[in-house]
């Protein structure tokens, strides 16, 4: 009997180690209640999250709690109550939060909160994060803002040259008609 208990404990220890590896490899984490979701819905959600370099994993709460404690990560106990899935984010958290909240409108999925940049976020803060533009969108706006003055200057200079050409063309037309 002692050997069987030792094997079970080793399996649990190995599972906690795997979870710690998953968690430590993620930049951010969002917790969700997936109760009532079908396998098809879970698969669809995982595919959408994969495009954002994120993983949706169902992990036993006790193992998760031990892993978070061993990694010394902040976590709210309410995040690990009931059926809980972890969304492990490797890129930008905003678009992933947006995907989760959009899916929550169509599926029985409920976002509980998350750990973003090492800080605990509640559900309302995750909702606020999802409404912010993503990092790529902000970069595009910045580049557009930096590029706008140069573009405007080129357009103004081009307009002056175009006006001169049109004026000369009009004079040439007028001389031909006379």
C-alpha atoms as a PDB file:
ATOM      1  CA  UNK A   1       0.000   0.000   0.000  1.00  0.00           C
ATOM      2  CA  UNK A   2       2.885   2.391   0.778  1.00  0.00           C
ATOM      3  CA  UNK A   3       4.305   1.961  -2.727  1.00  0.00           C
ATOM      4  CA  UNK A   4       0.932   2.823  -4.320  1.00  0.00           C
ATOM      5  CA  UNK A   5       0.639   5.983  -2.185  1.00  0.00           C
ATOM      6  CA  UNK A   6       4.156   6.985  -3.142  1.00  0.00           C
ATOM      7  CA  UNK A   7       3.336   6.591  -6.858  1.00  0.00           C
ATOM      8  CA  UNK A   8       0.180   8.685  -6.475  1.00  0.00           C
ATOM      9  CA  UNK A   9       2.071  11.406  -4.622  1.00  0.00           C
ATOM     10  CA  UNK A  10       4.751  11.380  -7.322  1.00  0.00           C
ATOM     11  CA  UNK A  11       2.064  11.780 -10.010  1.00  0.00           C
ATOM     12  CA  UNK A  12       0.596  14.740  -8.131  1.00  0.00           C
ATOM     13  CA  UNK A  13       4.046  16.305  -7.683  1.00  0.00           C
ATOM     14  CA  UNK A  14       4.765  15.855 -11.399  1.00  0.00           C
ATOM     15  CA  UNK A  15       1.425  17.422 -12.321  1.00  0.00           C
ATOM     16  CA  UNK A  16       2.080  20.449 -10.086  1.00  0.00           C
ATOM     17  CA  UNK A  17       5.521  20.824 -11.709  1.00  0.00           C
ATOM     18  CA  UNK A  18       3.909  20.773 -15.183  1.00  0.00           C
ATOM     19  CA  UNK A  19       1.434  23.448 -14.102  1.00  0.00           C
ATOM     20  CA  UNK A  20       4.243  25.581 -12.676  1.00  0.00           C
ATOM     21  CA  UNK A  21       6.045  25.302 -16.026  1.00  0.00           C
ATOM     22  CA  UNK A  22       2.877  26.400 -17.869  1.00  0.00           C
ATOM     23  CA  UNK A  23       2.277  29.308 -15.516  1.00  0.00           C
ATOM     24  CA  UNK A  24       5.860  30.527 -15.383  1.00  0.00           C
ATOM     25  CA  UNK A  25       6.017  30.457 -19.196  1.00  0.00           C
ATOM     26  CA  UNK A  26       3.025  32.790 -19.484  1.00  0.00           C
ATOM     27  CA  UNK A  27       3.254  36.579 -19.443  1.00  0.00           C
ATOM     28  CA  UNK A  28      -0.298  37.043 -18.128  1.00  0.00           C
ATOM     29  CA  UNK A  29      -3.108  34.773 -16.915  1.00  0.00           C
ATOM     30  CA  UNK A  30      -6.899  35.134 -17.044  1.00  0.00           C
ATOM     31  CA  UNK A  31      -9.177  32.844 -15.011  1.00  0.00           C
ATOM     32  CA  UNK A  32     -12.563  31.766 -16.365  1.00  0.00           C
ATOM     33  CA  UNK A  33     -15.457  29.548 -15.360  1.00  0.00           C
ATOM     34  CA  UNK A  34     -16.162  27.222 -18.279  1.00  0.00           C
ATOM     35  CA  UNK A  35     -19.094  25.326 -16.705  1.00  0.00           C
ATOM     36  CA  UNK A  36     -21.659  24.306 -19.334  1.00  0.00           C
ATOM     37  CA  UNK A  37     -19.416  24.709 -22.380  1.00  0.00           C
ATOM     38  CA  UNK A  38     -19.459  21.933 -24.965  1.00  0.00           C
ATOM     39  CA  UNK A  39     -16.339  20.355 -26.406  1.00  0.00           C
ATOM     40  CA  UNK A  40     -16.998  22.157 -29.704  1.00  0.00           C
ATOM     41  CA  UNK A  41     -17.222  25.527 -27.943  1.00  0.00           C
ATOM     42  CA  UNK A  42     -14.013  24.836 -26.003  1.00  0.00           C
ATOM     43  CA  UNK A  43     -12.247  23.877 -29.224  1.00  0.00           C
ATOM     44  CA  UNK A  44     -13.466  27.011 -31.022  1.00  0.00           C
ATOM     45  CA  UNK A  45     -12.295  29.158 -28.112  1.00  0.00           C
ATOM     46  CA  UNK A  46      -8.894  27.472 -28.064  1.00  0.00           C
ATOM     47  CA  UNK A  47      -8.474  28.080 -31.803  1.00  0.00           C
ATOM     48  CA  UNK A  48      -9.305  31.779 -31.415  1.00  0.00           C
ATOM     49  CA  UNK A  49      -6.887  32.115 -28.491  1.00  0.00           C
ATOM     50  CA  UNK A  50      -4.153  30.236 -30.340  1.00  0.00           C
ATOM     51  CA  UNK A  51      -4.116  33.024 -32.945  1.00  0.00           C
ATOM     52  CA  UNK A  52      -3.178  35.417 -30.108  1.00  0.00           C
ATOM     53  CA  UNK A  53      -0.460  33.049 -28.828  1.00  0.00           C
ATOM     54  CA  UNK A  54      -2.547  32.032 -25.822  1.00  0.00           C
ATOM     55  CA  UNK A  55      -3.574  28.706 -24.333  1.00  0.00           C
ATOM     56  CA  UNK A  56      -6.822  27.795 -22.588  1.00  0.00           C
ATOM     57  CA  UNK A  57      -6.175  25.025 -20.040  1.00  0.00           C
ATOM     58  CA  UNK A  58      -8.475  23.305 -17.593  1.00  0.00           C
ATOM     59  CA  UNK A  59      -6.424  22.574 -14.491  1.00  0.00           C
ATOM     60  CA  UNK A  60      -7.442  21.135 -11.139  1.00  0.00           C
ATOM     61  CA  UNK A  61      -7.876  23.973  -8.624  1.00  0.00           C
ATOM     62  CA  UNK A  62      -5.844  22.313  -5.851  1.00  0.00           C
ATOM     63  CA  UNK A  63      -2.882  21.823  -8.175  1.00  0.00           C
ATOM     64  CA  UNK A  64      -3.193  25.392  -9.437  1.00  0.00           C
ATOM     65  CA  UNK A  65      -3.290  26.777  -5.904  1.00  0.00           C
ATOM     66  CA  UNK A  66      -0.124  24.858  -4.959  1.00  0.00           C
ATOM     67  CA  UNK A  67       1.641  25.977  -8.151  1.00  0.00           C
ATOM     68  CA  UNK A  68       0.766  29.648  -7.584  1.00  0.00           C
ATOM     69  CA  UNK A  69       1.949  29.448  -3.982  1.00  0.00           C
ATOM     70  CA  UNK A  70       5.238  27.824  -4.974  1.00  0.00           C
ATOM     71  CA  UNK A  71       5.793  30.450  -7.684  1.00  0.00           C
ATOM     72  CA  UNK A  72       4.855  33.171  -5.158  1.00  0.00           C
ATOM     73  CA  UNK A  73       2.360  34.727  -7.552  1.00  0.00           C
ATOM     74  CA  UNK A  74      -0.521  36.799  -6.202  1.00  0.00           C
ATOM     75  CA  UNK A  75      -3.904  35.156  -6.578  1.00  0.00           C
ATOM     76  CA  UNK A  76      -7.400  35.642  -5.205  1.00  0.00           C
ATOM     77  CA  UNK A  77      -8.968  32.520  -3.686  1.00  0.00           C
ATOM     78  CA  UNK A  78     -12.243  33.230  -5.511  1.00  0.00           C
ATOM     79  CA  UNK A  79     -10.470  32.680  -8.856  1.00  0.00           C
ATOM     80  CA  UNK A  80     -10.022  29.000  -7.984  1.00  0.00           C
ATOM     81  CA  UNK A  81     -13.569  28.185  -6.885  1.00  0.00           C
ATOM     82  CA  UNK A  82     -15.653  25.935  -9.127  1.00  0.00           C
ATOM     83  CA  UNK A  83     -14.654  24.740 -12.586  1.00  0.00           C
ATOM     84  CA  UNK A  84     -11.753  26.990 -13.551  1.00  0.00           C
ATOM     85  CA  UNK A  85      -9.749  27.282 -16.732  1.00  0.00           C
ATOM     86  CA  UNK A  86      -6.574  29.306 -17.057  1.00  0.00           C
ATOM     87  CA  UNK A  87      -5.888  31.343 -20.152  1.00  0.00           C
ATOM     88  CA  UNK A  88      -2.115  31.566 -20.381  1.00  0.00           C
ATOM     89  CA  UNK A  89      -1.177  34.640 -22.435  1.00  0.00           C
ATOM     90  CA  UNK A  90       2.202  34.980 -24.115  1.00  0.00           C
ATOM     91  CA  UNK A  91       1.555  38.180 -26.055  1.00  0.00           C
ATOM     92  CA  UNK A  92      -0.732  41.156 -25.389  1.00  0.00           C
ATOM     93  CA  UNK A  93      -3.481  40.613 -22.781  1.00  0.00           C
ATOM     94  CA  UNK A  94      -5.980  43.139 -24.214  1.00  0.00           C
ATOM     95  CA  UNK A  95      -6.985  41.252 -27.371  1.00  0.00           C
ATOM     96  CA  UNK A  96      -7.160  37.969 -25.434  1.00  0.00           C
ATOM     97  CA  UNK A  97      -9.470  39.541 -22.852  1.00  0.00           C
ATOM     98  CA  UNK A  98     -11.598  40.855 -25.725  1.00  0.00           C
ATOM     99  CA  UNK A  99     -11.854  37.346 -27.233  1.00  0.00           C
ATOM    100  CA  UNK A 100     -12.827  35.834 -23.869  1.00  0.00           C
ATOM    101  CA  UNK A 101     -15.483  38.470 -23.211  1.00  0.00           C
ATOM    102  CA  UNK A 102     -16.895  38.178 -26.743  1.00  0.00           C
ATOM    103  CA  UNK A 103     -17.120  34.409 -26.313  1.00  0.00           C
ATOM    104  CA  UNK A 104     -18.775  34.920 -22.922  1.00  0.00           C
ATOM    105  CA  UNK A 105     -21.655  36.647 -24.735  1.00  0.00           C
ATOM    106  CA  UNK A 106     -22.220  33.610 -26.976  1.00  0.00           C
ATOM    107  CA  UNK A 107     -21.188  30.750 -24.678  1.00  0.00           C
ATOM    108  CA  UNK A 108     -21.573  29.812 -21.021  1.00  0.00           C
ATOM    109  CA  UNK A 109     -18.169  31.258 -20.154  1.00  0.00           C
ATOM    110  CA  UNK A 110     -17.535  33.665 -17.306  1.00  0.00           C
ATOM    111  CA  UNK A 111     -14.316  35.595 -16.744  1.00  0.00           C
ATOM    112  CA  UNK A 112     -13.361  35.634 -13.058  1.00  0.00           C
ATOM    113  CA  UNK A 113     -10.268  37.844 -13.109  1.00  0.00           C
ATOM    114  CA  UNK A 114      -6.588  37.559 -13.861  1.00  0.00           C
ATOM    115  CA  UNK A 115      -2.974  38.324 -13.194  1.00  0.00           C
ATOM    116  CA  UNK A 116      -1.747  40.978 -15.617  1.00  0.00           C
ATOM    117  CA  UNK A 117       1.847  42.197 -15.376  1.00  0.00           C
ATOM    118  CA  UNK A 118       2.122  40.618 -11.922  1.00  0.00           C
ATOM    119  CA  UNK A 119      -0.946  42.423 -10.550  1.00  0.00           C
ATOM    120  CA  UNK A 120      -4.291  40.874  -9.660  1.00  0.00           C
ATOM    121  CA  UNK A 121      -7.147  42.150 -11.848  1.00  0.00           C
ATOM    122  CA  UNK A 122     -10.786  41.554 -10.952  1.00  0.00           C
ATOM    123  CA  UNK A 123     -13.506  40.944 -13.552  1.00  0.00           C
ATOM    124  CA  UNK A 124     -14.274  44.657 -13.997  1.00  0.00           C
ATOM    125  CA  UNK A 125     -10.614  45.473 -14.597  1.00  0.00           C
ATOM    126  CA  UNK A 126     -10.394  42.687 -17.201  1.00  0.00           C
ATOM    127  CA  UNK A 127     -13.452  44.185 -18.931  1.00  0.00           C
ATOM    128  CA  UNK A 128     -11.767  47.610 -18.902  1.00  0.00           C
ATOM    129  CA  UNK A 129      -8.559  46.070 -20.281  1.00  0.00           C
ATOM    130  CA  UNK A 130     -10.481  44.482 -23.147  1.00  0.00           C
ATOM    131  CA  UNK A 131     -11.835  47.878 -24.225  1.00  0.00           C
ATOM    132  CA  UNK A 132      -8.347  49.372 -24.578  1.00  0.00           C
ATOM    133  CA  UNK A 133      -6.628  49.251 -27.964  1.00  0.00           C
ATOM    134  CA  UNK A 134      -4.025  46.514 -28.343  1.00  0.00           C
ATOM    135  CA  UNK A 135      -0.278  47.109 -28.467  1.00  0.00           C
ATOM    136  CA  UNK A 136      -0.153  46.676 -32.259  1.00  0.00           C
ATOM    137  CA  UNK A 137      -2.992  49.158 -32.739  1.00  0.00           C
ATOM    138  CA  UNK A 138      -1.238  51.702 -30.509  1.00  0.00           C
ATOM    139  CA  UNK A 139       1.993  51.275 -32.484  1.00  0.00           C
ATOM    140  CA  UNK A 140       0.076  51.839 -35.726  1.00  0.00           C
ATOM    141  CA  UNK A 141      -1.473  55.032 -34.346  1.00  0.00           C
ATOM    142  CA  UNK A 142       1.927  56.252 -33.162  1.00  0.00           C
ATOM    143  CA  UNK A 143       3.542  55.619 -36.530  1.00  0.00           C
ATOM    144  CA  UNK A 144       0.606  57.307 -38.253  1.00  0.00           C
ATOM    145  CA  UNK A 145       0.956  60.339 -35.983  1.00  0.00           C
ATOM    146  CA  UNK A 146       4.673  60.569 -36.608  1.00  0.00           C
ATOM    147  CA  UNK A 147       4.190  60.142 -40.341  1.00  0.00           C
ATOM    148  CA  UNK A 148       1.350  62.702 -40.685  1.00  0.00           C
ATOM    149  CA  UNK A 149       3.474  65.908 -40.666  1.00  0.00           C
ATOM    150  CA  UNK A 150       5.788  64.564 -43.359  1.00  0.00           C
ATOM    151  CA  UNK A 151       2.834  63.446 -45.471  1.00  0.00           C
ATOM    152  CA  UNK A 152       1.144  66.837 -45.110  1.00  0.00           C
ATOM    153  CA  UNK A 153       4.338  68.652 -46.102  1.00  0.00           C
ATOM    154  CA  UNK A 154       4.670  66.518 -49.236  1.00  0.00           C
ATOM    155  CA  UNK A 155       1.035  67.195 -50.136  1.00  0.00           C
ATOM    156  CA  UNK A 156       1.486  70.966 -49.699  1.00  0.00           C
ATOM    157  CA  UNK A 157       4.653  71.029 -51.788  1.00  0.00           C
ATOM    158  CA  UNK A 158       2.999  68.889 -54.428  1.00  0.00           C
ATOM    159  CA  UNK A 159      -0.045  71.200 -54.470  1.00  0.00           C
ATOM    160  CA  UNK A 160       2.146  74.233 -55.178  1.00  0.00           C
ATOM    161  CA  UNK A 161       3.848  72.479 -58.091  1.00  0.00           C
ATOM    162  CA  UNK A 162       0.526  71.209 -59.419  1.00  0.00           C
ATOM    163  CA  UNK A 163      -0.996  74.696 -59.239  1.00  0.00           C
ATOM    164  CA  UNK A 164       1.970  76.137 -61.149  1.00  0.00           C
ATOM    165  CA  UNK A 165       1.643  73.477 -63.875  1.00  0.00           C
ATOM    166  CA  UNK A 166      -2.099  74.095 -64.180  1.00  0.00           C
ATOM    167  CA  UNK A 167      -1.551  77.852 -64.415  1.00  0.00           C
ATOM    168  CA  UNK A 168       1.059  77.420 -67.133  1.00  0.00           C
ATOM    169  CA  UNK A 169      -1.212  74.986 -68.964  1.00  0.00           C
ATOM    170  CA  UNK A 170      -4.071  77.506 -68.804  1.00  0.00           C
ATOM    171  CA  UNK A 171      -1.804  80.255 -70.173  1.00  0.00           C
ATOM    172  CA  UNK A 172      -0.676  77.964 -73.005  1.00  0.00           C
ATOM    173  CA  UNK A 173      -4.321  77.163 -73.828  1.00  0.00           C
ATOM    174  CA  UNK A 174      -5.172  80.867 -73.778  1.00  0.00           C
ATOM    175  CA  UNK A 175      -2.258  81.720 -76.140  1.00  0.00           C
ATOM    176  CA  UNK A 176      -3.306  78.975 -78.551  1.00  0.00           C
ATOM    177  CA  UNK A 177      -6.861  80.320 -78.667  1.00  0.00           C
ATOM    178  CA  UNK A 178      -5.737  83.876 -79.459  1.00  0.00           C
END
